[in-house]
Structures are given as structure tokens and as C-alpha cells.
C-alpha atoms as a PDB file:
ATOM      1  CA  MET A   1       1.920 217.476  32.411  1.00  0.00           C
ATOM      2  CA  SER A   2       2.659 213.795  32.753  1.00  0.00           C
ATOM      3  CA  MET A   3       0.936 210.476  33.064  1.00  0.00           C
ATOM      4  CA  ALA A   4      -0.756 208.649  30.237  1.00  0.00           C
ATOM      5  CA  VAL A   5      -3.865 209.787  28.442  1.00  0.00           C
ATOM      6  CA  ALA A   6      -6.709 207.299  28.821  1.00  0.00           C
ATOM      7  CA  THR A   7      -6.644 204.808  25.989  1.00  0.00           C
ATOM      8  CA  GLY A   8      -9.870 202.994  26.811  1.00  0.00           C
ATOM      9  CA  MET A   9     -13.289 204.525  26.232  1.00  0.00           C
ATOM     10  CA  VAL A  10     -14.952 206.028  29.307  1.00  0.00           C
ATOM     11  CA  TYR A  11     -18.726 206.208  29.194  1.00  0.00           C
ATOM     12  CA  ALA A  12     -19.757 206.825  32.779  1.00  0.00           C
ATOM     13  CA  GLN A  13     -18.897 209.299  35.463  1.00  0.00           C
ATOM     14  CA  ASP A  14     -19.844 207.480  38.635  1.00  0.00           C
ATOM     15  CA  ALA A  15     -23.079 206.490  36.876  1.00  0.00           C
ATOM     16  CA  ALA A  16     -24.113 210.167  36.681  1.00  0.00           C
ATOM     17  CA  LYS A  17     -24.722 212.320  33.651  1.00  0.00           C
ATOM     18  CA  VAL A  18     -22.491 215.342  33.194  1.00  0.00           C
ATOM     19  CA  SER A  19     -24.308 218.567  34.048  1.00  0.00           C
ATOM     20  CA  SER A  20     -23.251 222.192  33.641  1.00  0.00           C
ATOM     21  CA  SER A  21     -21.906 222.142  37.190  1.00  0.00           C
ATOM     22  CA  THR A  22     -20.137 218.774  37.030  1.00  0.00           C
ATOM     23  CA  ILE A  23     -16.742 218.700  35.361  1.00  0.00           C
ATOM     24  CA  PRO A  24     -14.686 215.698  36.506  1.00  0.00           C
ATOM     25  CA  ALA A  25     -11.180 216.132  37.846  1.00  0.00           C
ATOM     26  CA  SER A  26      -9.873 214.217  34.822  1.00  0.00           C
ATOM     27  CA  VAL A  27     -10.927 217.118  32.563  1.00  0.00           C
ATOM     28  CA  HIS A  28      -9.358 220.567  32.326  1.00  0.00           C
ATOM     29  CA  VAL A  29     -11.442 223.367  30.797  1.00  0.00           C
ATOM     30  CA  GLU A  30      -9.760 226.456  29.366  1.00  0.00           C
ATOM     31  CA  HIS A  31     -12.431 229.164  29.142  1.00  0.00           C
ATOM     32  CA  ASP A  32     -12.849 232.257  26.968  1.00  0.00           C
ATOM     33  CA  VAL A  33     -10.225 231.459  24.368  1.00  0.00           C
ATOM     34  CA  THR A  34      -9.859 234.040  21.585  1.00  0.00           C
ATOM     35  CA  TYR A  35      -9.764 232.306  18.221  1.00  0.00           C
ATOM     36  CA  LEU A  36     -11.075 234.949  15.802  1.00  0.00           C
ATOM     37  CA  ASP A  37      -9.829 238.380  14.767  1.00  0.00           C
ATOM     38  CA  ALA A  38      -9.184 241.008  17.427  1.00  0.00           C
ATOM     39  CA  GLY A  39     -12.404 242.761  18.339  1.00  0.00           C
ATOM     40  CA  ARG A  40     -14.665 239.752  17.868  1.00  0.00           C
ATOM     41  CA  VAL A  41     -16.644 238.950  21.009  1.00  0.00           C
ATOM     42  CA  GLU A  42     -17.117 235.270  20.153  1.00  0.00           C
ATOM     43  CA  LYS A  43     -14.868 232.974  22.184  1.00  0.00           C
ATOM     44  CA  ALA A  44     -14.192 229.257  22.649  1.00  0.00           C
ATOM     45  CA  ASP A  45     -13.824 226.798  25.519  1.00  0.00           C
ATOM     46  CA  LEU A  46     -11.259 224.019  25.358  1.00  0.00           C
ATOM     47  CA  TYR A  47     -11.828 220.613  26.969  1.00  0.00           C
ATOM     48  CA  LEU A  48      -8.582 218.740  27.548  1.00  0.00           C
ATOM     49  CA  PRO A  49      -7.452 215.677  29.480  1.00  0.00           C
ATOM     50  CA  ALA A  50      -6.188 216.964  32.819  1.00  0.00           C
ATOM     51  CA  GLU A  51      -2.912 215.106  32.330  1.00  0.00           C
ATOM     52  CA  ILE A  52      -1.237 214.976  28.935  1.00  0.00           C
ATOM     53  CA  PRO A  53       2.186 213.445  28.293  1.00  0.00           C
ATOM     54  CA  ALA A  54       4.718 215.846  26.821  1.00  0.00           C
ATOM     55  CA  ASN A  55       5.097 213.767  23.639  1.00  0.00           C
ATOM     56  CA  ALA A  56       1.348 213.310  23.041  1.00  0.00           C
ATOM     57  CA  HIS A  57      -0.334 214.115  19.733  1.00  0.00           C
ATOM     58  CA  LEU A  58      -4.043 214.031  20.520  1.00  0.00           C
ATOM     59  CA  PRO A  59      -6.932 214.132  18.059  1.00  0.00           C
ATOM     60  CA  ALA A  60      -9.196 217.167  18.330  1.00  0.00           C
ATOM     61  CA  VAL A  61     -12.872 217.901  17.665  1.00  0.00           C
ATOM     62  CA  VAL A  62     -14.572 221.260  17.044  1.00  0.00           C
ATOM     63  CA  MET A  63     -18.005 221.428  18.704  1.00  0.00           C
ATOM     64  CA  ILE A  64     -20.682 223.716  17.224  1.00  0.00           C
ATOM     65  CA  HIS A  65     -23.792 224.619  19.236  1.00  0.00           C
ATOM     66  CA  GLY A  66     -27.324 224.914  17.880  1.00  0.00           C
ATOM     67  CA  GLY A  67     -30.022 227.542  18.250  1.00  0.00           C
ATOM     68  CA  GLY A  68     -31.484 228.073  14.791  1.00  0.00           C
ATOM     69  CA  TRP A  69     -28.445 230.156  13.793  1.00  0.00           C
ATOM     70  CA  ASN A  70     -30.075 232.834  15.983  1.00  0.00           C
ATOM     71  CA  ASP A  71     -28.995 232.066  19.535  1.00  0.00           C
ATOM     72  CA  GLY A  72     -27.341 229.393  21.662  1.00  0.00           C
ATOM     73  CA  GLN A  73     -23.970 229.330  23.357  1.00  0.00           C
ATOM     74  CA  ARG A  74     -20.782 227.320  23.534  1.00  0.00           C
ATOM     75  CA  ASN A  75     -21.354 226.197  27.146  1.00  0.00           C
ATOM     76  CA  GLY A  76     -24.775 224.617  26.835  1.00  0.00           C
ATOM     77  CA  GLN A  77     -25.403 221.289  28.528  1.00  0.00           C
ATOM     78  CA  ARG A  78     -25.013 219.374  25.263  1.00  0.00           C
ATOM     79  CA  GLU A  79     -21.638 220.989  24.589  1.00  0.00           C
ATOM     80  CA  ILE A  80     -20.411 220.357  28.136  1.00  0.00           C
ATOM     81  CA  ASN A  81     -21.554 216.749  27.827  1.00  0.00           C
ATOM     82  CA  ILE A  82     -19.763 216.277  24.510  1.00  0.00           C
ATOM     83  CA  GLY A  83     -16.623 218.151  25.550  1.00  0.00           C
ATOM     84  CA  THR A  84     -16.288 216.232  28.794  1.00  0.00           C
ATOM     85  CA  THR A  85     -16.853 212.909  27.040  1.00  0.00           C
ATOM     86  CA  LEU A  86     -14.176 213.722  24.485  1.00  0.00           C
ATOM     87  CA  ALA A  87     -11.583 214.936  26.995  1.00  0.00           C
ATOM     88  CA  ARG A  88     -12.062 211.880  29.200  1.00  0.00           C
ATOM     89  CA  ASN A  89     -11.275 209.706  26.208  1.00  0.00           C
ATOM     90  CA  GLY A  90      -8.069 211.348  25.045  1.00  0.00           C
ATOM     91  CA  TYR A  91      -9.357 214.130  22.798  1.00  0.00           C
ATOM     92  CA  VAL A  92      -9.115 217.907  22.799  1.00  0.00           C
ATOM     93  CA  GLY A  93     -12.593 219.409  22.370  1.00  0.00           C
ATOM     94  CA  MET A  94     -13.078 223.009  21.222  1.00  0.00           C
ATOM     95  CA  SER A  95     -16.574 224.393  21.812  1.00  0.00           C
ATOM     96  CA  ILE A  96     -17.084 227.652  19.932  1.00  0.00           C
ATOM     97  CA  ASP A  97     -19.292 230.675  19.768  1.00  0.00           C
ATOM     98  CA  TYR A  98     -19.947 231.993  16.262  1.00  0.00           C
ATOM     99  CA  ILE A  99     -21.740 235.036  14.917  1.00  0.00           C
ATOM    100  CA  LEU A 100     -25.533 234.802  15.401  1.00  0.00           C
ATOM    101  CA  SER A 101     -28.313 236.374  13.374  1.00  0.00           C
ATOM    102  CA  GLN A 102     -30.477 236.983  16.470  1.00  0.00           C
ATOM    103  CA  GLY A 103     -33.462 236.892  14.114  1.00  0.00           C
ATOM    104  CA  ARG A 104     -32.520 240.213  12.502  1.00  0.00           C
ATOM    105  CA  TYR A 105     -29.201 239.985  10.721  1.00  0.00           C
ATOM    106  CA  ALA A 106     -27.855 238.255   7.645  1.00  0.00           C
ATOM    107  CA  VAL A 107     -24.744 236.460   8.942  1.00  0.00           C
ATOM    108  CA  TRP A 108     -24.161 233.867   6.233  1.00  0.00           C
ATOM    109  CA  PRO A 109     -21.488 232.813   5.395  1.00  0.00           C
ATOM    110  CA  THR A 110     -19.613 234.524   8.266  1.00  0.00           C
ATOM    111  CA  ASN A 111     -21.032 231.989  10.739  1.00  0.00           C
ATOM    112  CA  LEU A 112     -19.567 229.184   8.619  1.00  0.00           C
ATOM    113  CA  TYR A 113     -16.268 231.054   8.316  1.00  0.00           C
ATOM    114  CA  ASP A 114     -16.085 231.249  12.116  1.00  0.00           C
ATOM    115  CA  CYS A 115     -16.404 227.455  12.331  1.00  0.00           C
ATOM    116  CA  LYS A 116     -13.777 226.947   9.650  1.00  0.00           C
ATOM    117  CA  ASN A 117     -11.434 229.352  11.407  1.00  0.00           C
ATOM    118  CA  ALA A 118     -11.817 227.289  14.592  1.00  0.00           C
ATOM    119  CA  VAL A 119     -10.394 224.298  12.712  1.00  0.00           C
ATOM    120  CA  ARG A 120      -7.562 226.488  11.455  1.00  0.00           C
ATOM    121  CA  TRP A 121      -6.912 227.822  14.958  1.00  0.00           C
ATOM    122  CA  LEU A 122      -6.474 224.266  16.224  1.00  0.00           C
ATOM    123  CA  ARG A 123      -3.873 223.611  13.548  1.00  0.00           C
ATOM    124  CA  VAL A 124      -2.003 226.838  14.312  1.00  0.00           C
ATOM    125  CA  ASN A 125      -1.989 225.944  18.039  1.00  0.00           C
ATOM    126  CA  ALA A 126      -1.373 222.226  17.605  1.00  0.00           C
ATOM    127  CA  ASP A 127       2.027 222.174  19.286  1.00  0.00           C
ATOM    128  CA  ARG A 128       0.869 224.041  22.404  1.00  0.00           C
ATOM    129  CA  LEU A 129      -2.179 221.809  22.793  1.00  0.00           C
ATOM    130  CA  HIS A 130      -0.374 218.551  21.910  1.00  0.00           C
ATOM    131  CA  ILE A 131      -2.749 218.073  18.956  1.00  0.00           C
ATOM    132  CA  ASP A 132      -2.163 216.004  15.853  1.00  0.00           C
ATOM    133  CA  ALA A 133      -3.012 218.606  13.214  1.00  0.00           C
ATOM    134  CA  ASN A 134      -3.934 215.872  10.750  1.00  0.00           C
ATOM    135  CA  ARG A 135      -6.593 214.353  13.009  1.00  0.00           C
ATOM    136  CA  ILE A 136      -9.350 216.896  13.546  1.00  0.00           C
ATOM    137  CA  GLY A 137     -13.096 216.210  13.474  1.00  0.00           C
ATOM    138  CA  VAL A 138     -16.257 218.247  13.933  1.00  0.00           C
ATOM    139  CA  ILE A 139     -19.580 217.707  15.714  1.00  0.00           C
ATOM    140  CA  GLY A 140     -22.680 219.857  16.050  1.00  0.00           C
ATOM    141  CA  GLY A 141     -26.345 219.747  16.981  1.00  0.00           C
ATOM    142  CA  SER A 142     -29.307 221.204  15.081  1.00  0.00           C
ATOM    143  CA  ALA A 143     -28.057 224.440  13.442  1.00  0.00           C
ATOM    144  CA  GLY A 144     -24.652 223.315  14.690  1.00  0.00           C
ATOM    145  CA  GLY A 145     -25.165 220.025  12.879  1.00  0.00           C
ATOM    146  CA  HIS A 146     -25.812 221.967   9.687  1.00  0.00           C
ATOM    147  CA  LEU A 147     -22.646 224.032  10.191  1.00  0.00           C
ATOM    148  CA  ALA A 148     -20.606 220.953  11.109  1.00  0.00           C
ATOM    149  CA  ALA A 149     -21.694 219.259   7.877  1.00  0.00           C
ATOM    150  CA  MET A 150     -20.854 222.397   5.915  1.00  0.00           C
ATOM    151  CA  VAL A 151     -17.364 222.473   7.441  1.00  0.00           C
ATOM    152  CA  ALA A 152     -16.836 218.830   6.504  1.00  0.00           C
ATOM    153  CA  LEU A 153     -18.105 219.176   2.949  1.00  0.00           C
ATOM    154  CA  THR A 154     -16.673 222.525   1.807  1.00  0.00           C
ATOM    155  CA  ASP A 155     -12.964 222.573   2.661  1.00  0.00           C
ATOM    156  CA  SER A 156     -12.117 222.646  -1.050  1.00  0.00           C
ATOM    157  CA  GLU A 157     -14.939 224.998  -2.088  1.00  0.00           C
ATOM    158  CA  PRO A 158     -13.385 228.252  -3.404  1.00  0.00           C
ATOM    159  CA  SER A 159     -16.601 230.248  -2.913  1.00  0.00           C
ATOM    160  CA  LEU A 160     -16.530 229.484   0.824  1.00  0.00           C
ATOM    161  CA  GLU A 161     -12.865 230.146   1.551  1.00  0.00           C
ATOM    162  CA  PRO A 162     -12.877 232.008   4.887  1.00  0.00           C
ATOM    163  CA  PRO A 163     -11.123 235.324   5.395  1.00  0.00           C
ATOM    164  CA  GLY A 164      -9.481 235.863   8.742  1.00  0.00           C
ATOM    165  CA  PRO A 165      -6.235 235.498  10.617  1.00  0.00           C
ATOM    166  CA  TYR A 166      -5.091 232.122   9.253  1.00  0.00           C
ATOM    167  CA  PRO A 167      -4.535 232.454   5.486  1.00  0.00           C
ATOM    168  CA  GLY A 168      -3.212 229.327   3.871  1.00  0.00           C
ATOM    169  CA  VAL A 169      -4.086 227.080   6.830  1.00  0.00           C
ATOM    170  CA  SER A 170      -6.311 224.108   5.988  1.00  0.00           C
ATOM    171  CA  ASP A 171      -9.819 223.814   7.434  1.00  0.00           C
ATOM    172  CA  HIS A 172     -10.086 220.162   6.350  1.00  0.00           C
ATOM    173  CA  VAL A 173     -11.637 217.780   8.888  1.00  0.00           C
ATOM    174  CA  SER A 174     -11.295 214.007   8.859  1.00  0.00           C
ATOM    175  CA  CYS A 175     -14.872 213.215   9.917  1.00  0.00           C
ATOM    176  CA  CYS A 176     -18.140 214.767  11.066  1.00  0.00           C
ATOM    177  CA  VAL A 177     -20.963 213.953  13.478  1.00  0.00           C
ATOM    178  CA  ASP A 178     -24.234 215.647  12.523  1.00  0.00           C
ATOM    179  CA  LEU A 179     -26.792 215.607  15.336  1.00  0.00           C
ATOM    180  CA  TYR A 180     -30.291 216.274  13.908  1.00  0.00           C
ATOM    181  CA  GLY A 181     -29.041 219.001  11.564  1.00  0.00           C
ATOM    182  CA  ILE A 182     -30.550 220.625   8.486  1.00  0.00           C
ATOM    183  CA  ALA A 183     -29.231 219.074   5.284  1.00  0.00           C
ATOM    184  CA  ASP A 184     -31.318 220.952   2.717  1.00  0.00           C
ATOM    185  CA  VAL A 185     -31.978 224.538   3.746  1.00  0.00           C
ATOM    186  CA  SER A 186     -34.180 225.011   0.681  1.00  0.00           C
ATOM    187  CA  SER A 187     -36.714 222.499   1.966  1.00  0.00           C
ATOM    188  CA  TYR A 188     -36.492 223.534   5.625  1.00  0.00           C
ATOM    189  CA  LEU A 189     -37.941 227.058   5.741  1.00  0.00           C
ATOM    190  CA  ALA A 190     -38.855 229.612   3.097  1.00  0.00           C
ATOM    191  CA  ASN A 191     -37.370 232.478   5.097  1.00  0.00           C
ATOM    192  CA  ILE A 192     -34.239 232.060   7.230  1.00  0.00           C
ATOM    193  CA  SER A 193     -32.996 235.196   8.955  1.00  0.00           C
ATOM    194  CA  MET A 194     -29.317 234.243   8.809  1.00  0.00           C
ATOM    195  CA  LEU A 195     -29.507 234.325   5.004  1.00  0.00           C
ATOM    196  CA  GLY A 196     -31.125 237.756   4.909  1.00  0.00           C
ATOM    197  CA  LYS A 197     -33.503 236.986   2.048  1.00  0.00           C
ATOM    198  CA  PRO A 198     -36.529 234.718   1.524  1.00  0.00           C
ATOM    199  CA  LYS A 199     -36.090 231.703  -0.709  1.00  0.00           C
ATOM    200  CA  SER A 200     -38.412 233.207  -3.308  1.00  0.00           C
ATOM    201  CA  GLU A 201     -35.894 236.007  -3.885  1.00  0.00           C
ATOM    202  CA  ALA A 202     -32.675 234.027  -3.619  1.00  0.00           C
ATOM    203  CA  PRO A 203     -33.119 230.288  -4.303  1.00  0.00           C
ATOM    204  CA  GLU A 204     -29.417 229.924  -5.200  1.00  0.00           C
ATOM    205  CA  LEU A 205     -28.443 231.375  -1.817  1.00  0.00           C
ATOM    206  CA  TYR A 206     -30.491 228.685  -0.077  1.00  0.00           C
ATOM    207  CA  ARG A 207     -28.946 226.022  -2.261  1.00  0.00           C
ATOM    208  CA  ALA A 208     -25.438 227.345  -1.507  1.00  0.00           C
ATOM    209  CA  ALA A 209     -26.157 227.118   2.231  1.00  0.00           C
ATOM    210  CA  SER A 210     -27.256 223.456   2.037  1.00  0.00           C
ATOM    211  CA  PRO A 211     -24.840 220.630   2.895  1.00  0.00           C
ATOM    212  CA  ILE A 212     -26.349 218.293   0.287  1.00  0.00           C
ATOM    213  CA  THR A 213     -25.128 220.688  -2.417  1.00  0.00           C
ATOM    214  CA  TYR A 214     -21.501 219.787  -1.679  1.00  0.00           C
ATOM    215  CA  VAL A 215     -21.663 216.030  -1.158  1.00  0.00           C
ATOM    216  CA  ARG A 216     -19.042 214.123  -3.118  1.00  0.00           C
ATOM    217  CA  LYS A 217     -17.551 210.660  -2.980  1.00  0.00           C
ATOM    218  CA  THR A 218     -14.336 212.003  -1.427  1.00  0.00           C
ATOM    219  CA  SER A 219     -16.158 213.826   1.399  1.00  0.00           C
ATOM    220  CA  PRO A 220     -15.074 212.885   4.932  1.00  0.00           C
ATOM    221  CA  PRO A 221     -17.019 210.132   6.716  1.00  0.00           C
ATOM    222  CA  ILE A 222     -20.217 211.410   8.332  1.00  0.00           C
ATOM    223  CA  LEU A 223     -22.271 209.997  11.205  1.00  0.00           C
ATOM    224  CA  ILE A 224     -25.861 211.290  11.255  1.00  0.00           C
ATOM    225  CA  ILE A 225     -27.950 210.909  14.411  1.00  0.00           C
ATOM    226  CA  HIS A 226     -31.605 211.962  14.551  1.00  0.00           C
ATOM    227  CA  GLY A 227     -34.563 211.412  16.874  1.00  0.00           C
ATOM    228  CA  THR A 228     -37.656 209.883  15.301  1.00  0.00           C
ATOM    229  CA  ALA A 229     -39.939 212.197  17.336  1.00  0.00           C
ATOM    230  CA  ASP A 230     -38.194 215.426  16.289  1.00  0.00           C
ATOM    231  CA  LYS A 231     -40.828 218.118  15.673  1.00  0.00           C
ATOM    232  CA  THR A 232     -38.352 220.972  15.089  1.00  0.00           C
ATOM    233  CA  VAL A 233     -36.055 219.560  12.412  1.00  0.00           C
ATOM    234  CA  SER A 234     -37.952 216.879  10.547  1.00  0.00           C
ATOM    235  CA  PRO A 235     -36.264 213.463  10.386  1.00  0.00           C
ATOM    236  CA  HIS A 236     -36.782 213.864   6.638  1.00  0.00           C
ATOM    237  CA  GLN A 237     -33.767 216.199   6.653  1.00  0.00           C
ATOM    238  CA  SER A 238     -31.523 213.331   7.696  1.00  0.00           C
ATOM    239  CA  GLU A 239     -33.203 211.056   5.169  1.00  0.00           C
ATOM    240  CA  LEU A 240     -32.338 213.585   2.446  1.00  0.00           C
ATOM    241  CA  PHE A 241     -28.745 213.736   3.670  1.00  0.00           C
ATOM    242  CA  ASP A 242     -28.492 209.961   3.828  1.00  0.00           C
ATOM    243  CA  SER A 243     -29.847 209.671   0.285  1.00  0.00           C
ATOM    244  CA  ALA A 244     -27.392 212.239  -1.107  1.00  0.00           C
ATOM    245  CA  LEU A 245     -24.435 210.590   0.629  1.00  0.00           C
ATOM    246  CA  THR A 246     -25.517 207.146  -0.546  1.00  0.00           C
ATOM    247  CA  GLN A 247     -25.893 208.326  -4.129  1.00  0.00           C
ATOM    248  CA  ALA A 248     -22.412 209.886  -4.051  1.00  0.00           C
ATOM    249  CA  GLY A 249     -20.842 206.818  -2.470  1.00  0.00           C
ATOM    250  CA  THR A 250     -19.685 208.768   0.583  1.00  0.00           C
ATOM    251  CA  GLU A 251     -18.839 206.781   3.713  1.00  0.00           C
ATOM    252  CA  HIS A 252     -21.553 207.502   6.254  1.00  0.00           C
ATOM    253  CA  GLN A 253     -24.048 206.056   8.726  1.00  0.00           C
ATOM    254  CA  LEU A 254     -27.545 207.190   9.702  1.00  0.00           C
ATOM    255  CA  VAL A 255     -28.641 206.236  13.217  1.00  0.00           C
ATOM    256  CA  TRP A 256     -32.187 206.790  14.461  1.00  0.00           C
ATOM    257  CA  VAL A 257     -32.889 207.371  18.145  1.00  0.00           C
ATOM    258  CA  GLU A 258     -36.363 205.915  18.541  1.00  0.00           C
ATOM    259  CA  GLY A 259     -38.747 208.279  20.311  1.00  0.00           C
ATOM    260  CA  ALA A 260     -36.212 211.061  20.867  1.00  0.00           C
ATOM    261  CA  PRO A 261     -37.376 214.658  20.330  1.00  0.00           C
ATOM    262  CA  HIS A 262     -35.257 217.526  19.071  1.00  0.00           C
ATOM    263  CA  SER A 263     -32.055 218.586  20.815  1.00  0.00           C
ATOM    264  CA  PHE A 264     -30.420 216.047  23.100  1.00  0.00           C
ATOM    265  CA  THR A 265     -26.978 215.409  24.551  1.00  0.00           C
ATOM    266  CA  LEU A 266     -25.029 212.211  23.992  1.00  0.00           C
ATOM    267  CA  GLN A 267     -27.057 210.751  26.854  1.00  0.00           C
ATOM    268  CA  PRO A 268     -30.745 211.025  25.973  1.00  0.00           C
ATOM    269  CA  LYS A 269     -33.062 208.864  28.048  1.00  0.00           C
ATOM    270  CA  GLN A 270     -33.713 206.658  25.040  1.00  0.00           C
ATOM    271  CA  ARG A 271     -30.095 205.546  24.549  1.00  0.00           C
ATOM    272  CA  ASP A 272     -26.522 206.285  25.601  1.00  0.00           C
ATOM    273  CA  LEU A 273     -24.919 207.557  22.397  1.00  0.00           C
ATOM    274  CA  ARG A 274     -21.407 207.981  23.773  1.00  0.00           C
ATOM    275  CA  PRO A 275     -20.176 204.527  22.691  1.00  0.00           C
ATOM    276  CA  LEU A 276     -21.458 205.133  19.151  1.00  0.00           C
ATOM    277  CA  VAL A 277     -19.913 208.587  18.813  1.00  0.00           C
ATOM    278  CA  LEU A 278     -16.619 207.621  20.434  1.00  0.00           C
ATOM    279  CA  ASP A 279     -16.333 204.512  18.257  1.00  0.00           C
ATOM    280  CA  PHE A 280     -16.854 206.710  15.183  1.00  0.00           C
ATOM    281  CA  PHE A 281     -14.266 209.286  16.234  1.00  0.00           C
ATOM    282  CA  ASN A 282     -11.817 206.590  17.300  1.00  0.00           C
ATOM    283  CA  GLN A 283     -12.133 204.891  13.935  1.00  0.00           C
ATOM    284  CA  HIS A 284     -11.409 208.047  11.961  1.00  0.00           C
ATOM    285  CA  LEU A 285      -9.232 210.091  14.304  1.00  0.00           C
ATOM    286  CA  LYS A 286      -7.213 207.363  16.028  1.00  0.00           C
ATOM    287  CA  PRO A 287      -6.247 205.109  13.130  1.00  0.00           C
ATOM    288  CA  ALA A 288      -3.536 202.502  13.486  1.00  0.00           C
ATOM    289  CA  GLY A 289      -1.739 203.651  10.349  1.00  0.00           C
ATOM    290  CA  PRO A 290      -0.424 207.044   9.203  1.00  0.00           C
ATOM    291  CA  PRO A 291      -3.102 209.755   9.084  1.00  0.00           C
ATOM    292  CA  ALA A 292      -4.327 211.151   5.784  1.00  0.00           C
ATOM    293  CA  GLN A 293      -2.978 214.594   4.955  1.00  0.00           C
ATOM    294  CA  PRO A 294      -5.525 217.449   4.694  1.00  0.00           C
END
């Protein structure tokens, strides 16, 4: 592939929002990519610029869907919107499936391991995809926001080292965008099916599944975005996250979307969030100087 990857930020597609049936010609989507062990049914979709110069080293972003850890899919409208936005602005986006509890099964921490292994897969396949393995971020919405934050905060946590096909490969990410995610599982619900036990029986399990447990000053930069009218995940969750990050001295920003309910793309009716999110990723994944090593 030839031609130059877009260097400017692209926010509009002929003034229309991206829908599930509208992928611009400037974006190539590689569907049904296997990124986990053989036999796993969960797959990934890759969003790439349609034309990539042979010597390119693009930043990449793992995208994690929501659905209460119970359902959801990698090709929801939010994920298509995010993936298309990223690819049109010189990124490789990887939207993943991960194991779901479906309201009946304890899947923690395998669901987190799946997300971490997606980061590792990108590093293993960096040359083929023209990716800079040192410039990988993560974004997720709702339950995906929770998992994205967990990926960002636990790369050096021995108790959450993922098994799988990429031993010794780093799952470090350089930054994270948390869209209306759950920061403190302990204060969210008393019984979460993905954990397999109620909080009354296993309070430490709920604490171990909470992003705020792992916040440290050296954590990657985090952008939190939450709607003020969210009735599913209380805005208080993002307030708790903001407070923990502030106390630790972690670089972060909390942005409220006034009047927005739960679960929106980067283009809710209240505000176009693409400039904000792209500016954040550009700052941390397209730096002028040498990238930090994972």
C-alpha cells in the first residue's frame, strides 16, 4: 500500500454520522481475526487506513465493547464509530470480542485476560500491521470502560498476568479512554454474575475487580467521559475514579457530557467527542519525541 496516512484530524464524513452500514472508502476493515487460543470463538475486527505507506509505524488502539460483562459485540455502532474515526486519523483500531458471563457464568478474570491478550496480539503482529508496538492505547464503553481501565492499570500486577499464547509479551498501554465505566465494582452492585459470587461472600474479589484498587502515580494517562444523565452507571463512579486518580497524582481528565444518558458513541447529540478523544490519543500516542518503552 502506498500514499500517505492522513496527518490531520478528520471529524466529519460528509457531515454524516458513521452507521453500521457506512464504512468510508478511506477505511479498510479486516473481519473475524483470531487473536486468542485455538478453539476460542471470540474474534476481532481491525480498522485500518485504506492506504498505508510501507515504512509507516502507526499507533494502535484496542476497543472494548460494553454490555454489563454479559452481552454486547465487537461490531456495535459505538465500536464502528470509534474504529472508523481512528482509522481515518492514522490509527489501527482493534475491536474485540471477549468471554461473556451471559448472566450465568463466572468469567472473571478471563474476560480481562482476553483484553490484555489483544494488546499482546497487536505487539506480536506489529510488523504486518505497520504498528509502532510502543504506542498502543485502549478505549471502552460501560463494562468495556471498566475493562479498558483495568488493562491500563494492571500491566505490572502479578496476580492478573494473563495465560495464553503470548508469554513474555507486554500488555502495557500508553493511555486509556474510559467511557462511562465502572471504577469501583464494590459500590456498583452487590451481585455481579461475571464474578460468580455476591459481594457479601467475596468482598476481596470485588475489590480485586475494581480499577480504583490499582491506581498509582505511574499509571498511564486516563481520559474519563461520562454523561450527567446516566441512569445505568451512576456518574458517581467517574467521580470516584477521578478522586482516586487525583489523590495518586495520576495524569487524567474527567469530562462531563451534560444531559447525556448511558451508552453513546463519540457523536452523541449533546456534543461531538471526536476532537476530544483524538486530541488525547494524539498527545499520548503520536508524541514528537521517542516513545516510552513498555
